[in-house]
Amino acid sequence: MRMKRGTKTSSFGSPGRINHDSTRFYASRLYESLPKEEKGKYVENPIPPGFLDKIFCKSSEKMEELPDNSVHLMATSPPYNVGKDYDEDLTLEGYKEFLRRVWQEVYRVLVPGGRACINIANLGRKPYIPLHAFIVEDMLSFGFLMRGEIIWNKASSSSPSTAWGSWLSAANPTLRDIHEYILVFSKGTFTRKKHLDRNSTISREEFLELTKSVWTFPAEQAKNIGHPAPFPVELPYRLIQLYTYEGDVVLDPFMGSGQAAIAAIKTKRHYVGYDINEEYVKLAERRIRRFSYVQNVPSLFDFIVKEGRADIAIEKQSEAGKQGRAQYEISRKRTGRKGKGS
């Protein structure tokens, strides 16, 4: 049986991609100013066990808890600075500078070949603010290699936008966003080293679907989660399946309601998260405890029973925390000492 000859870059393109030789294309001057792949020794440092599977209530601008080269995937959706109750009212340049400090830390903690995936929506209409373009520019400036962008098609969501501007008129029609971006980068090299004791968990069907550049699934309703802007668990789940091995570490520097952590637990990965809002950290921790408690149940009946037990366990933990705080306050008043957070 004759082997098919490989294709290569030509002046008229190639109809197929079989053992494709793209050397000529990547040697073109188009690529001269872009970050180059770094061929070096693979380094991976362990995260102290006390810092794994934990959410830190602090800014991710300084992630001192994480060693250099210790995280395998960063999957996040940054705050949009549009006046939601967790946002600050920053100027556009101030907002970009804030994100740059976080992306610089992400670059430090990712292992060589580790991936950074950023879910972002563009803002406004008068004029339109292309946040995704600004983020791409900043990530390239740090030396990240861009791997592509995924269009998240949210058209199947239950609340389509009706902000179409001038109705049936060319006066001022407005494009209605039914998509967001997921920007994909890697640190230093395109390929990630595989540990002998870690395996991929993605199925053939998932791989064929997730390597497409358009993903279609609905958005998450804020009222279902208790956070003003949650992304669905489906989003980090897909990224984790595509870009990590079982046992890897997933970082979300803007953890919010804990969706990335839940996806990590679901896929048997570790997680680390950061969020400056104490209430959202507590919300994420409650949701993570609940999910951990009810997962891996063999039947719907067992799920309902375990779900009820999880609620009781969480209520007991909350009540124990209140009692402990009350005892502490009594003790503090007796001794005349001031406590933290009082």
Protein backbone atom coordinates (compact mmCIF):
# COMPACT_ATOMS: atom_id res chain seq x y z
CA MET A 1 0.00 0.00 0.00
CA ARG A 2 1.44 3.38 -1.04
CA MET A 3 1.96 5.95 1.72
CA LYS A 4 0.32 9.34 1.17
CA ARG A 5 2.84 12.09 0.54
CA GLY A 6 2.92 14.86 3.11
CA THR A 7 1.67 18.33 2.21
CA LYS A 8 3.66 21.54 2.56
CA THR A 9 3.12 25.28 2.41
CA SER A 10 2.64 26.50 -1.15
CA SER A 11 1.70 29.74 -2.92
CA PHE A 12 -1.83 28.45 -3.47
CA GLY A 13 -2.43 26.80 -0.08
CA SER A 14 -2.89 23.10 0.63
CA PRO A 15 -6.16 21.21 0.24
CA GLY A 16 -5.25 18.79 3.05
CA ARG A 17 -3.06 18.63 6.15
CA ILE A 18 -1.33 15.26 6.07
CA ASN A 19 2.14 15.26 7.71
CA HIS A 20 2.14 18.94 6.74
CA ASP A 21 5.50 20.69 6.47
CA SER A 22 4.93 24.35 7.42
CA THR A 23 8.62 25.32 7.76
CA ARG A 24 8.42 27.82 4.92
CA PHE A 25 5.43 29.60 6.46
CA TYR A 26 6.94 29.96 9.96
CA ALA A 27 10.25 31.14 8.49
CA SER A 28 8.50 34.09 6.86
CA ARG A 29 9.06 37.66 8.11
CA LEU A 30 5.49 37.70 9.46
CA TYR A 31 6.77 35.90 12.57
CA GLU A 32 9.92 37.98 13.14
CA SER A 33 8.61 40.18 15.98
CA LEU A 34 6.59 37.54 17.86
CA PRO A 35 7.79 35.63 20.97
CA LYS A 36 9.86 32.58 20.09
CA GLU A 37 9.58 29.10 21.51
CA GLU A 38 12.21 28.40 24.18
CA LYS A 39 13.82 24.98 24.17
CA GLY A 40 15.13 24.42 27.67
CA LYS A 41 15.08 22.04 30.61
CA TYR A 42 11.64 21.25 32.02
CA VAL A 43 11.27 22.42 35.62
CA GLU A 44 8.35 21.65 37.92
CA ASN A 45 8.31 22.61 41.59
CA PRO A 46 5.78 21.13 44.03
CA ILE A 47 3.27 23.37 45.79
CA PRO A 48 3.33 22.87 49.59
CA PRO A 49 0.44 20.50 50.51
CA GLY A 50 -1.05 23.13 52.82
CA PHE A 51 -1.56 25.47 49.85
CA LEU A 52 -3.16 22.92 47.48
CA ASP A 53 -6.94 22.76 47.04
CA LYS A 54 -7.30 26.09 48.77
CA ILE A 55 -8.72 29.55 48.01
CA PHE A 56 -6.78 32.53 49.33
CA CYS A 57 -8.71 35.67 50.24
CA LYS A 58 -6.23 38.14 48.78
CA SER A 59 -5.18 39.69 45.49
CA SER A 60 -3.53 37.47 42.88
CA GLU A 61 -1.14 40.31 42.02
CA LYS A 62 1.25 38.60 44.47
CA MET A 63 0.88 34.83 44.73
CA GLU A 64 3.69 34.19 47.22
CA GLU A 65 2.14 30.86 48.19
CA LEU A 66 2.99 29.38 44.79
CA PRO A 67 6.57 28.51 43.77
CA ASP A 68 7.92 29.30 40.31
CA ASN A 69 7.00 26.65 37.71
CA SER A 70 4.34 24.91 39.82
CA VAL A 71 0.98 25.30 38.00
CA HIS A 72 -0.10 23.44 34.86
CA LEU A 73 -3.16 25.43 33.77
CA MET A 74 -4.54 28.87 34.54
CA ALA A 75 -8.24 29.18 33.65
CA THR A 76 -10.05 32.35 34.62
CA SER A 77 -12.44 35.16 33.75
CA PRO A 78 -11.22 38.48 35.15
CA PRO A 79 -13.56 41.10 36.62
CA TYR A 80 -14.77 43.47 33.90
CA ASN A 81 -14.52 46.78 35.80
CA VAL A 82 -18.07 47.74 34.79
CA GLY A 83 -19.59 48.58 38.16
CA LYS A 84 -20.63 45.16 39.43
CA ASP A 85 -20.44 44.85 43.20
CA TYR A 86 -16.98 43.25 43.10
CA ASP A 87 -15.46 45.76 40.65
CA GLU A 88 -13.38 48.86 41.21
CA ASP A 89 -13.98 51.92 39.06
CA LEU A 90 -10.60 51.98 37.30
CA THR A 91 -9.63 53.83 34.16
CA LEU A 92 -9.00 51.61 31.15
CA GLU A 93 -5.22 51.99 31.58
CA GLY A 94 -5.53 51.34 35.32
CA TYR A 95 -7.56 48.20 34.62
CA LYS A 96 -5.02 46.96 32.06
CA GLU A 97 -2.15 47.64 34.47
CA PHE A 98 -3.93 45.67 37.21
CA LEU A 99 -4.38 42.70 34.87
CA ARG A 100 -0.77 42.95 33.72
CA ARG A 101 0.42 42.46 37.31
CA VAL A 102 -1.68 39.30 37.55
CA TRP A 103 -0.57 37.94 34.15
CA GLN A 104 3.07 38.49 35.12
CA GLU A 105 2.54 36.36 38.24
CA VAL A 106 0.75 33.74 36.16
CA TYR A 107 3.77 33.53 33.85
CA ARG A 108 6.03 33.00 36.87
CA VAL A 109 4.01 30.15 38.40
CA LEU A 110 3.21 28.22 35.20
CA VAL A 111 5.44 25.27 34.33
CA PRO A 112 7.21 25.38 30.94
CA GLY A 113 4.51 24.63 28.40
CA GLY A 114 1.78 25.38 30.95
CA ARG A 115 -1.35 26.96 29.49
CA ALA A 116 -3.10 30.22 30.34
CA CYS A 117 -6.76 30.45 29.25
CA ILE A 118 -8.62 33.74 29.69
CA ASN A 119 -12.38 34.06 29.19
CA ILE A 120 -13.21 37.66 28.31
CA ALA A 121 -16.09 39.60 26.76
CA ASN A 122 -15.69 42.93 25.03
CA LEU A 123 -17.58 45.94 26.34
CA GLY A 124 -19.72 48.87 25.26
CA ARG A 125 -20.91 50.21 21.93
CA LYS A 126 -20.08 53.95 21.91
CA PRO A 127 -17.29 53.11 21.35
CA TYR A 128 -16.70 49.37 21.54
CA ILE A 129 -13.85 48.35 23.90
CA PRO A 130 -11.94 45.32 22.51
CA LEU A 131 -10.63 43.99 25.83
CA HIS A 132 -9.56 40.73 24.22
CA ALA A 133 -7.20 42.62 21.87
CA PHE A 134 -5.59 44.50 24.77
CA ILE A 135 -5.08 41.27 26.71
CA VAL A 136 -3.49 39.53 23.73
CA GLU A 137 -1.06 42.43 23.31
CA ASP A 138 -0.08 42.35 26.99
CA MET A 139 0.31 38.57 27.13
CA LEU A 140 2.63 38.62 24.11
CA SER A 141 4.70 41.35 25.77
CA PHE A 142 5.40 38.97 28.69
CA GLY A 143 6.61 36.27 26.29
CA PHE A 144 3.50 34.07 26.24
CA LEU A 145 3.02 32.09 23.04
CA MET A 146 -0.51 32.47 21.70
CA ARG A 147 -2.12 29.16 20.78
CA GLY A 148 -5.41 30.47 19.45
CA GLU A 149 -8.78 31.80 20.52
CA ILE A 150 -12.00 29.94 21.14
CA ILE A 151 -15.30 31.62 20.36
CA TRP A 152 -17.79 30.72 23.08
CA ASN A 153 -21.17 30.89 21.37
CA LYS A 154 -23.79 31.63 24.04
CA ALA A 155 -26.72 31.75 21.60
CA SER A 156 -28.39 28.83 23.38
CA SER A 157 -28.71 30.89 26.58
CA SER A 158 -32.25 31.67 27.69
CA SER A 159 -31.93 35.49 27.68
CA PRO A 160 -30.82 36.75 24.24
CA SER A 161 -30.00 40.44 23.97
CA THR A 162 -32.54 42.77 22.37
CA ALA A 163 -30.17 45.78 22.29
CA TRP A 164 -30.14 46.01 18.51
CA GLY A 165 -30.05 49.80 18.25
CA SER A 166 -32.16 51.35 15.50
CA TRP A 167 -34.87 48.81 14.68
CA LEU A 168 -35.09 47.95 10.98
CA SER A 169 -33.08 51.06 10.14
CA ALA A 170 -29.57 51.84 8.92
CA ALA A 171 -29.48 54.88 11.26
CA ASN A 172 -27.62 53.08 14.06
CA PRO A 173 -28.01 49.28 14.13
CA THR A 174 -26.03 47.63 16.92
CA LEU A 175 -24.36 44.22 16.89
CA ARG A 176 -25.70 42.00 19.66
CA ASP A 177 -22.98 39.98 21.35
CA ILE A 178 -23.86 36.31 21.63
CA HIS A 179 -20.26 35.26 22.14
CA GLU A 180 -17.27 35.65 24.39
CA TYR A 181 -13.61 34.81 23.83
CA ILE A 182 -11.39 32.22 25.45
CA LEU A 183 -7.80 33.26 24.71
CA VAL A 184 -5.26 30.43 24.89
CA PHE A 185 -1.54 30.89 25.58
CA SER A 186 1.37 28.74 26.69
CA LYS A 187 4.54 29.57 28.57
CA GLY A 188 7.83 29.24 26.71
CA THR A 189 7.09 26.17 24.66
CA PHE A 190 4.15 24.70 22.76
CA THR A 191 4.53 21.19 24.16
CA ARG A 192 4.13 20.19 27.79
CA LYS A 193 6.08 17.35 29.35
CA LYS A 194 3.95 14.44 30.59
CA HIS A 195 4.65 12.81 33.94
CA LEU A 196 4.77 9.03 33.83
CA ASP A 197 2.15 8.74 36.59
CA ARG A 198 -0.32 11.25 35.09
CA ASN A 199 -2.70 10.43 32.26
CA SER A 200 -5.06 12.30 29.99
CA THR A 201 -8.75 11.78 30.77
CA ILE A 202 -10.28 13.22 27.59
CA SER A 203 -12.35 10.88 25.42
CA ARG A 204 -12.07 10.63 21.65
CA GLU A 205 -15.45 12.35 21.23
CA GLU A 206 -14.48 15.19 23.58
CA PHE A 207 -11.13 15.69 21.83
CA LEU A 208 -12.74 15.95 18.41
CA GLU A 209 -15.27 18.47 19.74
CA LEU A 210 -12.98 20.55 21.98
CA THR A 211 -10.27 21.08 19.36
CA LYS A 212 -12.78 23.09 17.32
CA SER A 213 -12.44 26.87 17.63
CA VAL A 214 -16.15 27.46 18.34
CA TRP A 215 -17.78 26.07 21.49
CA THR A 216 -21.55 26.26 21.98
CA PHE A 217 -23.09 25.93 25.43
CA PRO A 218 -25.30 28.19 27.56
CA ALA A 219 -24.15 30.81 30.05
CA GLU A 220 -24.72 30.38 33.78
CA GLN A 221 -27.50 32.34 35.44
CA ALA A 222 -26.21 34.54 38.26
CA LYS A 223 -29.24 33.81 40.45
CA ASN A 224 -28.48 30.07 40.32
CA ILE A 225 -25.02 30.60 41.79
CA GLY A 226 -25.21 33.69 43.99
CA HIS A 227 -22.45 35.54 42.15
CA PRO A 228 -23.03 38.44 39.70
CA ALA A 229 -20.93 37.02 36.86
CA PRO A 230 -20.25 33.27 37.08
CA PHE A 231 -19.01 31.30 34.12
CA PRO A 232 -20.50 27.79 33.76
CA VAL A 233 -18.54 24.79 35.07
CA GLU A 234 -18.59 23.53 31.48
CA LEU A 235 -16.04 26.18 30.49
CA PRO A 236 -13.17 25.27 32.87
CA TYR A 237 -14.11 21.58 32.55
CA ARG A 238 -13.43 21.68 28.80
CA LEU A 239 -10.13 23.52 29.28
CA ILE A 240 -9.00 21.11 31.99
CA GLN A 241 -9.83 18.07 29.88
CA LEU A 242 -8.04 19.46 26.82
CA TYR A 243 -4.93 20.95 28.42
CA THR A 244 -4.09 18.94 31.58
CA TYR A 245 -3.38 15.49 32.91
CA GLU A 246 -5.02 13.89 35.91
CA GLY A 247 -3.35 15.13 39.11
CA ASP A 248 -2.24 18.46 37.58
CA VAL A 249 -2.77 21.83 39.30
CA VAL A 250 -5.34 24.34 38.01
CA LEU A 251 -5.14 28.00 39.04
CA ASP A 252 -7.93 30.57 38.96
CA PRO A 253 -6.62 33.99 40.08
CA PHE A 254 -10.21 35.35 40.09
CA MET A 255 -11.99 32.39 41.69
CA GLY A 256 -15.38 34.02 42.28
CA SER A 257 -18.01 31.35 42.93
CA GLY A 258 -15.59 28.42 42.63
CA GLN A 259 -16.54 27.03 39.22
CA ALA A 260 -12.93 26.28 38.21
CA ALA A 261 -12.32 24.46 41.50
CA ILE A 262 -15.46 22.34 41.04
CA ALA A 263 -14.36 21.43 37.50
CA ALA A 264 -10.90 20.50 38.87
CA ILE A 265 -12.39 18.22 41.53
CA LYS A 266 -14.72 16.66 38.96
CA THR A 267 -11.72 15.76 36.76
CA LYS A 268 -9.42 14.69 39.64
CA ARG A 269 -7.11 17.70 39.42
CA HIS A 270 -5.90 19.98 42.21
CA TYR A 271 -6.87 23.64 42.37
CA VAL A 272 -5.62 26.91 43.83
CA GLY A 273 -7.69 30.08 43.79
CA TYR A 274 -7.55 33.75 44.76
CA ASP A 275 -10.30 36.27 45.38
CA ILE A 276 -10.33 39.54 47.32
CA ASN A 277 -14.00 39.30 48.32
CA GLU A 278 -14.43 37.34 51.56
CA GLU A 279 -18.11 36.63 50.88
CA TYR A 280 -17.33 35.08 47.50
CA VAL A 281 -14.53 33.00 49.02
CA LYS A 282 -17.03 31.65 51.56
CA LEU A 283 -19.57 31.03 48.77
CA ALA A 284 -16.96 29.12 46.73
CA GLU A 285 -15.90 27.05 49.73
CA ARG A 286 -19.52 26.13 50.51
CA ARG A 287 -20.14 25.10 46.91
CA ILE A 288 -16.90 23.10 46.79
CA ARG A 289 -17.77 21.27 50.04
CA ARG A 290 -21.23 20.52 48.74
CA PHE A 291 -19.96 19.24 45.38
CA SER A 292 -17.24 17.13 47.03
CA TYR A 293 -19.79 15.60 49.36
CA VAL A 294 -22.36 14.59 46.76
CA GLN A 295 -20.14 13.48 43.86
CA ASN A 296 -19.49 9.87 42.91
CA VAL A 297 -22.88 8.60 44.07
CA PRO A 298 -24.28 5.52 42.31
CA SER A 299 -27.95 6.56 42.06
CA LEU A 300 -30.32 9.51 42.12
CA PHE A 301 -31.68 8.32 45.48
CA ASP A 302 -28.18 8.30 46.97
CA PHE A 303 -27.57 11.74 45.49
CA ILE A 304 -30.68 13.16 47.18
CA VAL A 305 -29.77 11.54 50.51
CA LYS A 306 -26.17 12.75 50.33
CA GLU A 307 -27.25 16.21 49.21
CA GLY A 308 -29.42 16.45 52.32
CA ARG A 309 -26.54 15.30 54.51
CA ALA A 310 -24.26 17.86 52.86
CA ASP A 311 -26.69 20.65 53.72
CA ILE A 312 -26.83 19.44 57.32
CA ALA A 313 -23.02 19.16 57.52
CA ILE A 314 -22.56 22.68 56.14
CA GLU A 315 -25.16 24.06 58.55
CA LYS A 316 -23.40 22.34 61.47
CA GLN A 317 -20.03 23.77 60.41
CA SER A 318 -21.55 27.24 60.15
CA GLU A 319 -23.18 26.93 63.58
CA ALA A 320 -19.94 25.65 65.11
CA GLY A 321 -18.13 28.64 63.63
CA LYS A 322 -20.67 31.05 65.16
CA GLN A 323 -20.38 29.39 68.57
CA GLY A 324 -16.60 29.52 68.40
CA ARG A 325 -16.71 33.22 67.51
CA ALA A 326 -19.10 33.90 70.41
CA GLN A 327 -16.82 32.09 72.88
CA TYR A 328 -13.85 34.06 71.54
CA GLU A 329 -15.67 37.38 72.02
CA ILE A 330 -16.57 36.44 75.63
CA SER A 331 -12.95 35.51 76.33
CA ARG A 332 -11.67 38.70 74.69
CA LYS A 333 -13.96 40.91 76.77
CA ARG A 334 -12.85 39.20 79.95
CA THR A 335 -9.18 39.70 79.18
CA GLY A 336 -9.60 43.12 77.54
CA ARG A 337 -7.77 42.02 74.36
CA LYS A 338 -8.72 43.13 70.83
CA GLY A 339 -9.01 40.43 68.20
CA LYS A 340 -8.48 40.42 64.45
CA GLY A 341 -11.48 41.49 62.46
CA SER A 342 -13.24 42.95 65.48
